């Protein structure tokens, strides 16, 4: 069985690759020639670019399963137009090429950000309404929709994964956050308490590996969150404590004043003939939830994330062993 992977040199791809090569032949689809020393001996690579569709078909010949991890996001400095080209048009081009190449199973990495931030307590389920708030989240949702349409029309099996809050060894853009949490005091300023659902990288890639042998009859979608939801302020404190710090977050929120303010503003808005939107409601909600219900993945995929403390310990060990850890 040949497994192809886009985005293999990214944070998630670097964690997934060692798992795949234990039992499968792996082919990487890369835009540019890699440093050969950076690739395991067991993998091959071919030149392929999501924004150059003619390069995709030849790269997928003979492939059985395709992991589509490639994408671009705000933290990479990408514009909304660039995210649309890569996350929407590039995904669509890849799905069309995969269908023509006879790919059996397309595994698409999306994000739980497609749900936005829930106003009411409780996690997002796979059938919850969409409410993406950023250009990245909107592009990932549209990418999902286009690949779903193609797979449905062409009879290609599709699995969509919606993880949230991924952290762990190898994520360089989290270095400074971890370092700051160990030695500084944070102030959380704003009207809301935001609940997050951190997911350790190895828990994500472990369950992704199982999908190679779990081919759905119809399109399947799985939410993937960590072992426990937690307010963002408490998450900062847990990160600090795991690294030996004593960071305390001071929350400058107004949970008790918010209901009164919401009622006043809503009343005034109604007098002017305005419509009360979800976006306005979020500004006056004491709590917003970026949490997901992972029960389906637990039941069908054996998903069982480790505790936050274990994941944080392993992440700190990686940071402290790296010479480039911020001082």
C-alpha atoms as a PDB file:
ATOM      1  CA  UNK A   1       0.000   0.000   0.000  1.00  0.00           C
ATOM      2  CA  UNK A   2       1.326   3.446  -0.951  1.00  0.00           C
ATOM      3  CA  UNK A   3       0.319   6.376   1.248  1.00  0.00           C
ATOM      4  CA  UNK A   4       0.809   9.924  -0.010  1.00  0.00           C
ATOM      5  CA  UNK A   5       1.082  12.934   2.286  1.00  0.00           C
ATOM      6  CA  UNK A   6       0.860  16.659   1.604  1.00  0.00           C
ATOM      7  CA  UNK A   7       2.206  19.032   4.229  1.00  0.00           C
ATOM      8  CA  UNK A   8       4.587  16.358   5.550  1.00  0.00           C
ATOM      9  CA  UNK A   9       7.240  18.908   6.550  1.00  0.00           C
ATOM     10  CA  UNK A  10       4.857  20.824   8.812  1.00  0.00           C
ATOM     11  CA  UNK A  11       4.266  20.372  12.538  1.00  0.00           C
ATOM     12  CA  UNK A  12       1.611  17.658  12.198  1.00  0.00           C
ATOM     13  CA  UNK A  13       3.273  15.977   9.233  1.00  0.00           C
ATOM     14  CA  UNK A  14       6.592  15.597  11.067  1.00  0.00           C
ATOM     15  CA  UNK A  15       4.777  13.798  13.889  1.00  0.00           C
ATOM     16  CA  UNK A  16       2.691  11.595  11.588  1.00  0.00           C
ATOM     17  CA  UNK A  17       5.472  10.473   9.270  1.00  0.00           C
ATOM     18  CA  UNK A  18       7.425   8.225  11.703  1.00  0.00           C
ATOM     19  CA  UNK A  19       4.205   6.378  12.515  1.00  0.00           C
ATOM     20  CA  UNK A  20       3.316   5.761   8.873  1.00  0.00           C
ATOM     21  CA  UNK A  21       6.706   4.501   7.748  1.00  0.00           C
ATOM     22  CA  UNK A  22       6.684   1.701  10.322  1.00  0.00           C
ATOM     23  CA  UNK A  23       4.223  -0.292   8.246  1.00  0.00           C
ATOM     24  CA  UNK A  24       3.645   1.454   4.935  1.00  0.00           C
ATOM     25  CA  UNK A  25       5.341   2.791   1.844  1.00  0.00           C
ATOM     26  CA  UNK A  26       5.120   6.577   2.046  1.00  0.00           C
ATOM     27  CA  UNK A  27       5.369   9.191  -0.699  1.00  0.00           C
ATOM     28  CA  UNK A  28       5.629  12.892   0.090  1.00  0.00           C
ATOM     29  CA  UNK A  29       4.162  15.536  -2.192  1.00  0.00           C
ATOM     30  CA  UNK A  30       6.489  18.544  -1.874  1.00  0.00           C
ATOM     31  CA  UNK A  31       6.658  21.882  -3.652  1.00  0.00           C
ATOM     32  CA  UNK A  32      10.454  22.007  -3.590  1.00  0.00           C
ATOM     33  CA  UNK A  33      13.333  19.577  -3.273  1.00  0.00           C
ATOM     34  CA  UNK A  34      13.994  18.818   0.401  1.00  0.00           C
ATOM     35  CA  UNK A  35      17.327  18.435   2.122  1.00  0.00           C
ATOM     36  CA  UNK A  36      17.802  14.679   1.818  1.00  0.00           C
ATOM     37  CA  UNK A  37      19.139  14.509   5.373  1.00  0.00           C
ATOM     38  CA  UNK A  38      15.757  15.754   6.619  1.00  0.00           C
ATOM     39  CA  UNK A  39      13.843  12.764   5.234  1.00  0.00           C
ATOM     40  CA  UNK A  40      13.726   9.230   6.611  1.00  0.00           C
ATOM     41  CA  UNK A  41      15.318   6.690   4.302  1.00  0.00           C
ATOM     42  CA  UNK A  42      12.006   4.831   4.025  1.00  0.00           C
ATOM     43  CA  UNK A  43      10.168   7.626   2.194  1.00  0.00           C
ATOM     44  CA  UNK A  44      10.203   8.917  -1.353  1.00  0.00           C
ATOM     45  CA  UNK A  45       9.142  12.333  -2.566  1.00  0.00           C
ATOM     46  CA  UNK A  46       7.771  13.855  -5.741  1.00  0.00           C
ATOM     47  CA  UNK A  47       7.382  17.442  -6.820  1.00  0.00           C
ATOM     48  CA  UNK A  48       3.782  18.602  -6.576  1.00  0.00           C
ATOM     49  CA  UNK A  49       2.176  21.969  -5.939  1.00  0.00           C
ATOM     50  CA  UNK A  50      -1.454  22.530  -4.931  1.00  0.00           C
ATOM     51  CA  UNK A  51      -1.406  25.735  -6.963  1.00  0.00           C
ATOM     52  CA  UNK A  52      -0.097  23.934 -10.064  1.00  0.00           C
ATOM     53  CA  UNK A  53      -2.754  21.252 -10.766  1.00  0.00           C
ATOM     54  CA  UNK A  54      -0.917  19.499 -13.649  1.00  0.00           C
ATOM     55  CA  UNK A  55       1.782  18.415 -11.159  1.00  0.00           C
ATOM     56  CA  UNK A  56      -0.695  16.594  -8.922  1.00  0.00           C
ATOM     57  CA  UNK A  57      -1.892  13.753 -11.141  1.00  0.00           C
ATOM     58  CA  UNK A  58       1.542  12.185 -11.805  1.00  0.00           C
ATOM     59  CA  UNK A  59       2.415  12.493  -8.100  1.00  0.00           C
ATOM     60  CA  UNK A  60      -0.615  10.384  -7.130  1.00  0.00           C
ATOM     61  CA  UNK A  61      -0.159   7.437  -9.482  1.00  0.00           C
ATOM     62  CA  UNK A  62      -0.407   4.139  -7.642  1.00  0.00           C
ATOM     63  CA  UNK A  63      -1.438   5.761  -4.341  1.00  0.00           C
ATOM     64  CA  UNK A  64      -4.095   4.074  -2.186  1.00  0.00           C
ATOM     65  CA  UNK A  65      -4.559   6.543   0.684  1.00  0.00           C
ATOM     66  CA  UNK A  66      -3.921  10.292   0.724  1.00  0.00           C
ATOM     67  CA  UNK A  67      -3.400  12.441   3.821  1.00  0.00           C
ATOM     68  CA  UNK A  68      -4.010  16.088   2.959  1.00  0.00           C
ATOM     69  CA  UNK A  69      -2.303  18.120   5.701  1.00  0.00           C
ATOM     70  CA  UNK A  70      -1.008  21.056   3.661  1.00  0.00           C
ATOM     71  CA  UNK A  71      -2.502  24.472   4.217  1.00  0.00           C
ATOM     72  CA  UNK A  72      -1.713  28.019   5.198  1.00  0.00           C
ATOM     73  CA  UNK A  73      -2.971  30.153   8.067  1.00  0.00           C
ATOM     74  CA  UNK A  74      -2.794  33.594   9.646  1.00  0.00           C
ATOM     75  CA  UNK A  75       0.239  32.886  11.791  1.00  0.00           C
ATOM     76  CA  UNK A  76       2.222  32.187   8.618  1.00  0.00           C
ATOM     77  CA  UNK A  77       1.528  35.768   7.514  1.00  0.00           C
ATOM     78  CA  UNK A  78      -0.812  34.680   4.736  1.00  0.00           C
ATOM     79  CA  UNK A  79      -3.498  37.005   3.404  1.00  0.00           C
ATOM     80  CA  UNK A  80      -7.119  35.984   3.087  1.00  0.00           C
ATOM     81  CA  UNK A  81      -6.605  35.679  -0.675  1.00  0.00           C
ATOM     82  CA  UNK A  82      -3.605  33.371  -0.215  1.00  0.00           C
ATOM     83  CA  UNK A  83      -5.497  31.196   2.280  1.00  0.00           C
ATOM     84  CA  UNK A  84      -8.339  30.922  -0.199  1.00  0.00           C
ATOM     85  CA  UNK A  85      -5.977  29.880  -2.996  1.00  0.00           C
ATOM     86  CA  UNK A  86      -4.248  27.197  -0.911  1.00  0.00           C
ATOM     87  CA  UNK A  87      -6.965  25.969   1.467  1.00  0.00           C
ATOM     88  CA  UNK A  88      -9.864  26.116  -0.974  1.00  0.00           C
ATOM     89  CA  UNK A  89      -8.672  26.074  -4.581  1.00  0.00           C
ATOM     90  CA  UNK A  90      -5.618  23.939  -3.823  1.00  0.00           C
ATOM     91  CA  UNK A  91      -7.691  21.409  -1.889  1.00  0.00           C
ATOM     92  CA  UNK A  92     -10.216  21.267  -4.702  1.00  0.00           C
ATOM     93  CA  UNK A  93      -7.471  20.675  -7.271  1.00  0.00           C
ATOM     94  CA  UNK A  94      -5.967  17.905  -5.133  1.00  0.00           C
ATOM     95  CA  UNK A  95      -9.337  16.193  -4.678  1.00  0.00           C
ATOM     96  CA  UNK A  96      -9.987  16.257  -8.421  1.00  0.00           C
ATOM     97  CA  UNK A  97      -6.546  14.807  -9.118  1.00  0.00           C
ATOM     98  CA  UNK A  98      -7.052  12.137  -6.436  1.00  0.00           C
ATOM     99  CA  UNK A  99     -10.360  11.098  -7.964  1.00  0.00           C
ATOM    100  CA  UNK A 100      -8.798  10.796 -11.432  1.00  0.00           C
ATOM    101  CA  UNK A 101      -5.899   8.785  -9.974  1.00  0.00           C
ATOM    102  CA  UNK A 102      -8.275   6.312  -8.327  1.00  0.00           C
ATOM    103  CA  UNK A 103      -7.350   7.138  -4.738  1.00  0.00           C
ATOM    104  CA  UNK A 104      -9.382   4.897  -2.431  1.00  0.00           C
ATOM    105  CA  UNK A 105      -9.381   7.031   0.739  1.00  0.00           C
ATOM    106  CA  UNK A 106      -8.914  10.823   1.049  1.00  0.00           C
ATOM    107  CA  UNK A 107      -8.117  11.932   4.636  1.00  0.00           C
ATOM    108  CA  UNK A 108      -8.576  15.677   4.990  1.00  0.00           C
ATOM    109  CA  UNK A 109      -7.237  17.666   7.935  1.00  0.00           C
ATOM    110  CA  UNK A 110      -9.566  20.552   8.739  1.00  0.00           C
ATOM    111  CA  UNK A 111     -10.083  22.443  12.008  1.00  0.00           C
ATOM    112  CA  UNK A 112     -12.651  22.724  14.779  1.00  0.00           C
ATOM    113  CA  UNK A 113     -12.492  26.453  14.052  1.00  0.00           C
ATOM    114  CA  UNK A 114     -15.239  25.908  11.463  1.00  0.00           C
ATOM    115  CA  UNK A 115     -17.698  25.938  14.390  1.00  0.00           C
ATOM    116  CA  UNK A 116     -16.529  29.328  15.650  1.00  0.00           C
ATOM    117  CA  UNK A 117     -17.060  30.037  19.340  1.00  0.00           C
ATOM    118  CA  UNK A 118     -20.166  28.549  20.889  1.00  0.00           C
ATOM    119  CA  UNK A 119     -22.264  30.900  23.020  1.00  0.00           C
ATOM    120  CA  UNK A 120     -23.809  28.263  25.269  1.00  0.00           C
ATOM    121  CA  UNK A 121     -22.078  25.806  27.541  1.00  0.00           C
ATOM    122  CA  UNK A 122     -21.271  22.491  25.956  1.00  0.00           C
ATOM    123  CA  UNK A 123     -18.945  21.192  23.269  1.00  0.00           C
ATOM    124  CA  UNK A 124     -19.446  21.308  19.526  1.00  0.00           C
ATOM    125  CA  UNK A 125     -20.632  18.070  17.965  1.00  0.00           C
ATOM    126  CA  UNK A 126     -19.983  17.066  14.371  1.00  0.00           C
ATOM    127  CA  UNK A 127     -23.520  18.120  13.409  1.00  0.00           C
ATOM    128  CA  UNK A 128     -23.352  21.579  15.003  1.00  0.00           C
ATOM    129  CA  UNK A 129     -23.959  24.655  12.867  1.00  0.00           C
ATOM    130  CA  UNK A 130     -20.940  26.357  11.325  1.00  0.00           C
ATOM    131  CA  UNK A 131     -19.901  29.845  12.443  1.00  0.00           C
ATOM    132  CA  UNK A 132     -16.321  30.472  11.256  1.00  0.00           C
ATOM    133  CA  UNK A 133     -15.027  33.879  12.331  1.00  0.00           C
ATOM    134  CA  UNK A 134     -11.632  34.305  10.672  1.00  0.00           C
ATOM    135  CA  UNK A 135     -10.472  34.123   7.049  1.00  0.00           C
ATOM    136  CA  UNK A 136      -8.570  30.945   7.912  1.00  0.00           C
ATOM    137  CA  UNK A 137     -11.620  29.257   9.439  1.00  0.00           C
ATOM    138  CA  UNK A 138     -13.806  30.281   6.516  1.00  0.00           C
ATOM    139  CA  UNK A 139     -11.270  28.960   4.022  1.00  0.00           C
ATOM    140  CA  UNK A 140     -11.037  25.624   5.827  1.00  0.00           C
ATOM    141  CA  UNK A 141     -14.814  25.258   5.840  1.00  0.00           C
ATOM    142  CA  UNK A 142     -15.065  25.982   2.132  1.00  0.00           C
ATOM    143  CA  UNK A 143     -12.222  23.555   1.482  1.00  0.00           C
ATOM    144  CA  UNK A 144     -14.172  20.880   3.377  1.00  0.00           C
ATOM    145  CA  UNK A 145     -17.272  21.566   1.342  1.00  0.00           C
ATOM    146  CA  UNK A 146     -15.494  21.355  -2.004  1.00  0.00           C
ATOM    147  CA  UNK A 147     -13.654  18.129  -1.233  1.00  0.00           C
ATOM    148  CA  UNK A 148     -16.875  16.603   0.113  1.00  0.00           C
ATOM    149  CA  UNK A 149     -18.723  17.440  -3.098  1.00  0.00           C
ATOM    150  CA  UNK A 150     -15.981  15.913  -5.258  1.00  0.00           C
ATOM    151  CA  UNK A 151     -15.692  12.745  -3.176  1.00  0.00           C
ATOM    152  CA  UNK A 152     -19.472  12.308  -3.216  1.00  0.00           C
ATOM    153  CA  UNK A 153     -19.680  12.756  -6.974  1.00  0.00           C
ATOM    154  CA  UNK A 154     -16.697  10.505  -7.715  1.00  0.00           C
ATOM    155  CA  UNK A 155     -17.364   7.785  -5.121  1.00  0.00           C
ATOM    156  CA  UNK A 156     -14.075   8.411  -3.301  1.00  0.00           C
ATOM    157  CA  UNK A 157     -14.077   7.600   0.427  1.00  0.00           C
ATOM    158  CA  UNK A 158     -13.510  10.651   2.623  1.00  0.00           C
ATOM    159  CA  UNK A 159     -12.610  11.232   6.276  1.00  0.00           C
ATOM    160  CA  UNK A 160     -12.536  14.786   7.647  1.00  0.00           C
ATOM    161  CA  UNK A 161     -10.737  15.545  10.912  1.00  0.00           C
ATOM    162  CA  UNK A 162     -11.495  18.638  12.998  1.00  0.00           C
ATOM    163  CA  UNK A 163      -8.865  18.937  15.752  1.00  0.00           C
ATOM    164  CA  UNK A 164      -8.559  21.838  18.153  1.00  0.00           C
ATOM    165  CA  UNK A 165      -5.751  23.463  20.146  1.00  0.00           C
ATOM    166  CA  UNK A 166      -2.848  21.260  19.016  1.00  0.00           C
ATOM    167  CA  UNK A 167       0.370  21.549  21.052  1.00  0.00           C
ATOM    168  CA  UNK A 168       3.493  19.510  21.631  1.00  0.00           C
ATOM    169  CA  UNK A 169       7.130  18.912  20.641  1.00  0.00           C
ATOM    170  CA  UNK A 170       8.064  20.338  17.283  1.00  0.00           C
ATOM    171  CA  UNK A 171       5.696  23.299  17.279  1.00  0.00           C
ATOM    172  CA  UNK A 172       8.155  26.160  17.022  1.00  0.00           C
ATOM    173  CA  UNK A 173       5.562  28.929  17.014  1.00  0.00           C
ATOM    174  CA  UNK A 174       4.595  27.989  20.594  1.00  0.00           C
ATOM    175  CA  UNK A 175       8.097  28.330  22.004  1.00  0.00           C
ATOM    176  CA  UNK A 176       7.715  31.937  23.095  1.00  0.00           C
ATOM    177  CA  UNK A 177       4.300  31.342  24.651  1.00  0.00           C
ATOM    178  CA  UNK A 178       5.664  28.499  26.767  1.00  0.00           C
ATOM    179  CA  UNK A 179       8.726  30.520  27.769  1.00  0.00           C
ATOM    180  CA  UNK A 180       6.618  33.550  28.724  1.00  0.00           C
ATOM    181  CA  UNK A 181       4.249  31.428  30.786  1.00  0.00           C
ATOM    182  CA  UNK A 182       7.151  30.238  32.935  1.00  0.00           C
ATOM    183  CA  UNK A 183       8.397  33.649  33.979  1.00  0.00           C
ATOM    184  CA  UNK A 184       5.722  36.306  33.521  1.00  0.00           C
ATOM    185  CA  UNK A 185       2.358  37.381  34.773  1.00  0.00           C
ATOM    186  CA  UNK A 186      -0.403  37.498  32.198  1.00  0.00           C
ATOM    187  CA  UNK A 187      -3.433  39.740  32.252  1.00  0.00           C
ATOM    188  CA  UNK A 188      -6.511  38.418  30.480  1.00  0.00           C
ATOM    189  CA  UNK A 189      -8.340  41.552  29.351  1.00  0.00           C
ATOM    190  CA  UNK A 190     -11.743  41.303  27.750  1.00  0.00           C
ATOM    191  CA  UNK A 191     -15.434  40.743  28.370  1.00  0.00           C
ATOM    192  CA  UNK A 192     -15.354  36.967  27.938  1.00  0.00           C
ATOM    193  CA  UNK A 193     -13.858  33.868  29.459  1.00  0.00           C
ATOM    194  CA  UNK A 194     -12.818  31.613  26.578  1.00  0.00           C
ATOM    195  CA  UNK A 195     -12.760  27.851  27.066  1.00  0.00           C
ATOM    196  CA  UNK A 196     -10.218  25.878  25.038  1.00  0.00           C
ATOM    197  CA  UNK A 197      -9.548  22.185  24.496  1.00  0.00           C
ATOM    198  CA  UNK A 198      -5.784  21.563  24.087  1.00  0.00           C
ATOM    199  CA  UNK A 199      -4.828  18.405  22.186  1.00  0.00           C
ATOM    200  CA  UNK A 200      -1.377  16.823  22.395  1.00  0.00           C
ATOM    201  CA  UNK A 201       0.144  16.234  18.951  1.00  0.00           C
ATOM    202  CA  UNK A 202       0.927  12.534  19.447  1.00  0.00           C
ATOM    203  CA  UNK A 203      -2.707  11.826  20.388  1.00  0.00           C
ATOM    204  CA  UNK A 204      -3.763  13.353  17.082  1.00  0.00           C
ATOM    205  CA  UNK A 205      -1.249  11.513  14.902  1.00  0.00           C
ATOM    206  CA  UNK A 206      -1.854   8.209  16.677  1.00  0.00           C
ATOM    207  CA  UNK A 207      -5.513   8.247  15.738  1.00  0.00           C
ATOM    208  CA  UNK A 208      -4.683   9.494  12.230  1.00  0.00           C
ATOM    209  CA  UNK A 209      -2.513   6.429  11.687  1.00  0.00           C
ATOM    210  CA  UNK A 210      -5.461   4.163  12.492  1.00  0.00           C
ATOM    211  CA  UNK A 211      -7.437   5.707   9.652  1.00  0.00           C
ATOM    212  CA  UNK A 212      -5.236   3.911   7.127  1.00  0.00           C
ATOM    213  CA  UNK A 213      -7.151   0.718   7.899  1.00  0.00           C
ATOM    214  CA  UNK A 214     -10.517   2.307   8.765  1.00  0.00           C
ATOM    215  CA  UNK A 215     -12.013   3.192   5.399  1.00  0.00           C
ATOM    216  CA  UNK A 216     -15.537   4.652   5.675  1.00  0.00           C
ATOM    217  CA  UNK A 217     -18.487   3.583   3.562  1.00  0.00           C
ATOM    218  CA  UNK A 218     -19.687   7.177   3.505  1.00  0.00           C
ATOM    219  CA  UNK A 219     -18.022  10.469   4.363  1.00  0.00           C
ATOM    220  CA  UNK A 220     -17.117  10.541   8.066  1.00  0.00           C
ATOM    221  CA  UNK A 221     -16.253  13.561  10.190  1.00  0.00           C
ATOM    222  CA  UNK A 222     -14.485  13.390  13.549  1.00  0.00           C
ATOM    223  CA  UNK A 223     -13.907  16.056  16.167  1.00  0.00           C
ATOM    224  CA  UNK A 224     -10.671  15.648  18.107  1.00  0.00           C
ATOM    225  CA  UNK A 225     -10.132  17.516  21.367  1.00  0.00           C
ATOM    226  CA  UNK A 226      -7.941  16.943  24.393  1.00  0.00           C
ATOM    227  CA  UNK A 227      -8.897  15.180  27.625  1.00  0.00           C
ATOM    228  CA  UNK A 228     -10.496  18.216  29.275  1.00  0.00           C
ATOM    229  CA  UNK A 229     -11.847  21.659  28.399  1.00  0.00           C
ATOM    230  CA  UNK A 230     -10.207  24.474  30.330  1.00  0.00           C
ATOM    231  CA  UNK A 231     -10.479  28.291  30.519  1.00  0.00           C
ATOM    232  CA  UNK A 232      -7.646  29.885  28.578  1.00  0.00           C
ATOM    233  CA  UNK A 233      -6.383  31.664  31.683  1.00  0.00           C
ATOM    234  CA  UNK A 234      -6.103  28.348  33.541  1.00  0.00           C
ATOM    235  CA  UNK A 235      -4.387  26.820  30.492  1.00  0.00           C
ATOM    236  CA  UNK A 236      -1.643  29.438  30.765  1.00  0.00           C
ATOM    237  CA  UNK A 237      -1.182  28.574  34.439  1.00  0.00           C
ATOM    238  CA  UNK A 238      -1.009  24.833  33.695  1.00  0.00           C
ATOM    239  CA  UNK A 239       1.631  25.427  31.015  1.00  0.00           C
ATOM    240  CA  UNK A 240       3.655  27.487  33.476  1.00  0.00           C
ATOM    241  CA  UNK A 241       3.385  24.975  36.307  1.00  0.00           C
ATOM    242  CA  UNK A 242       4.490  22.098  34.069  1.00  0.00           C
ATOM    243  CA  UNK A 243       7.655  24.051  33.266  1.00  0.00           C
ATOM    244  CA  UNK A 244       8.403  24.849  36.896  1.00  0.00           C
ATOM    245  CA  UNK A 245       6.963  28.365  36.769  1.00  0.00           C
ATOM    246  CA  UNK A 246       4.433  30.069  39.014  1.00  0.00           C
ATOM    247  CA  UNK A 247       2.558  32.226  36.560  1.00  0.00           C
ATOM    248  CA  UNK A 248      -0.796  33.560  37.733  1.00  0.00           C
ATOM    249  CA  UNK A 249      -3.278  35.041  35.315  1.00  0.00           C
ATOM    250  CA  UNK A 250      -5.344  37.986  36.395  1.00  0.00           C
ATOM    251  CA  UNK A 251      -8.683  37.984  34.608  1.00  0.00           C
ATOM    252  CA  UNK A 252     -10.013  41.462  33.926  1.00  0.00           C
ATOM    253  CA  UNK A 253     -13.467  40.362  32.854  1.00  0.00           C
ATOM    254  CA  UNK A 254     -16.945  41.555  33.747  1.00  0.00           C
ATOM    255  CA  UNK A 255     -19.093  38.423  33.960  1.00  0.00           C
ATOM    256  CA  UNK A 256     -21.601  39.924  36.378  1.00  0.00           C
ATOM    257  CA  UNK A 257     -22.058  43.194  34.504  1.00  0.00           C
ATOM    258  CA  UNK A 258     -22.411  41.547  31.116  1.00  0.00           C
ATOM    259  CA  UNK A 259     -26.042  40.395  31.405  1.00  0.00           C
ATOM    260  CA  UNK A 260     -27.170  43.914  32.323  1.00  0.00           C
ATOM    261  CA  UNK A 261     -25.082  45.470  29.555  1.00  0.00           C
ATOM    262  CA  UNK A 262     -26.416  42.939  27.069  1.00  0.00           C
ATOM    263  CA  UNK A 263     -30.007  43.727  27.984  1.00  0.00           C
ATOM    264  CA  UNK A 264     -29.497  47.483  27.680  1.00  0.00           C
ATOM    265  CA  UNK A 265     -27.696  47.291  24.345  1.00  0.00           C
ATOM    266  CA  UNK A 266     -30.153  44.782  22.907  1.00  0.00           C
ATOM    267  CA  UNK A 267     -33.085  46.963  23.902  1.00  0.00           C
ATOM    268  CA  UNK A 268     -31.571  50.088  22.368  1.00  0.00           C
ATOM    269  CA  UNK A 269     -30.674  48.165  19.222  1.00  0.00           C
ATOM    270  CA  UNK A 270     -34.243  46.890  18.879  1.00  0.00           C
ATOM    271  CA  UNK A 271     -35.625  50.438  19.196  1.00  0.00           C
ATOM    272  CA  UNK A 272     -33.525  51.388  16.202  1.00  0.00           C
ATOM    273  CA  UNK A 273     -34.909  48.463  14.228  1.00  0.00           C
ATOM    274  CA  UNK A 274     -31.651  46.484  14.270  1.00  0.00           C
ATOM    275  CA  UNK A 275     -31.283  42.698  14.287  1.00  0.00           C
ATOM    276  CA  UNK A 276     -29.443  41.110  17.201  1.00  0.00           C
ATOM    277  CA  UNK A 277     -26.736  38.919  15.619  1.00  0.00           C
ATOM    278  CA  UNK A 278     -24.627  36.092  17.003  1.00  0.00           C
ATOM    279  CA  UNK A 279     -21.576  38.298  16.575  1.00  0.00           C
ATOM    280  CA  UNK A 280     -23.065  40.959  18.827  1.00  0.00           C
ATOM    281  CA  UNK A 281     -24.232  38.364  21.335  1.00  0.00           C
ATOM    282  CA  UNK A 282     -20.674  37.019  21.664  1.00  0.00           C
ATOM    283  CA  UNK A 283     -19.430  40.412  22.825  1.00  0.00           C
ATOM    284  CA  UNK A 284     -21.786  40.262  25.793  1.00  0.00           C
ATOM    285  CA  UNK A 285     -21.503  36.592  26.688  1.00  0.00           C
ATOM    286  CA  UNK A 286     -19.576  35.751  29.905  1.00  0.00           C
ATOM    287  CA  UNK A 287     -18.227  32.521  28.382  1.00  0.00           C
ATOM    288  CA  UNK A 288     -17.333  31.419  24.884  1.00  0.00           C
ATOM    289  CA  UNK A 289     -16.513  27.804  24.051  1.00  0.00           C
ATOM    290  CA  UNK A 290     -13.922  26.448  21.637  1.00  0.00           C
ATOM    291  CA  UNK A 291     -14.473  22.921  22.888  1.00  0.00           C
ATOM    292  CA  UNK A 292     -15.528  19.813  20.980  1.00  0.00           C
ATOM    293  CA  UNK A 293     -17.270  16.533  21.642  1.00  0.00           C
ATOM    294  CA  UNK A 294     -14.858  13.723  20.684  1.00  0.00           C
ATOM    295  CA  UNK A 295     -17.167  10.847  21.649  1.00  0.00           C
ATOM    296  CA  UNK A 296     -17.568   9.643  18.062  1.00  0.00           C
ATOM    297  CA  UNK A 297     -13.780   9.377  17.642  1.00  0.00           C
ATOM    298  CA  UNK A 298     -13.481   7.587  20.987  1.00  0.00           C
ATOM    299  CA  UNK A 299     -16.148   5.075  20.019  1.00  0.00           C
ATOM    300  CA  UNK A 300     -15.131   4.366  16.426  1.00  0.00           C
ATOM    301  CA  UNK A 301     -11.411   5.103  16.320  1.00  0.00           C
ATOM    302  CA  UNK A 302     -10.307   4.246  19.842  1.00  0.00           C
ATOM    303  CA  UNK A 303      -9.284   7.853  20.426  1.00  0.00           C
ATOM    304  CA  UNK A 304      -8.002   8.213  23.988  1.00  0.00           C
ATOM    305  CA  UNK A 305      -6.012  11.415  24.620  1.00  0.00           C
ATOM    306  CA  UNK A 306      -3.489  11.442  27.441  1.00  0.00           C
ATOM    307  CA  UNK A 307      -3.760  13.883  30.345  1.00  0.00           C
ATOM    308  CA  UNK A 308      -2.753  17.510  29.844  1.00  0.00           C
ATOM    309  CA  UNK A 309      -0.055  17.163  32.484  1.00  0.00           C
ATOM    310  CA  UNK A 310       1.616  14.319  30.587  1.00  0.00           C
ATOM    311  CA  UNK A 311       1.466  16.197  27.289  1.00  0.00           C
ATOM    312  CA  UNK A 312       2.838  19.356  28.887  1.00  0.00           C
ATOM    313  CA  UNK A 313       5.658  17.461  30.593  1.00  0.00           C
ATOM    314  CA  UNK A 314       6.756  15.949  27.280  1.00  0.00           C
ATOM    315  CA  UNK A 315       6.521  19.320  25.553  1.00  0.00           C
ATOM    316  CA  UNK A 316       8.652  21.010  28.201  1.00  0.00           C
ATOM    317  CA  UNK A 317      11.239  18.243  27.977  1.00  0.00           C
ATOM    318  CA  UNK A 318      11.539  18.917  24.254  1.00  0.00           C
ATOM    319  CA  UNK A 319      11.787  22.676  24.769  1.00  0.00           C
ATOM    320  CA  UNK A 320      14.451  22.394  27.455  1.00  0.00           C
ATOM    321  CA  UNK A 321      16.523  19.968  25.402  1.00  0.00           C
ATOM    322  CA  UNK A 322      16.611  22.362  22.474  1.00  0.00           C
ATOM    323  CA  UNK A 323      19.420  24.860  22.304  1.00  0.00           C
ATOM    324  CA  UNK A 324      17.110  27.384  20.636  1.00  0.00           C
ATOM    325  CA  UNK A 325      14.649  27.519  23.521  1.00  0.00           C
ATOM    326  CA  UNK A 326      14.074  31.230  24.401  1.00  0.00           C
ATOM    327  CA  UNK A 327      15.984  32.291  27.495  1.00  0.00           C
END
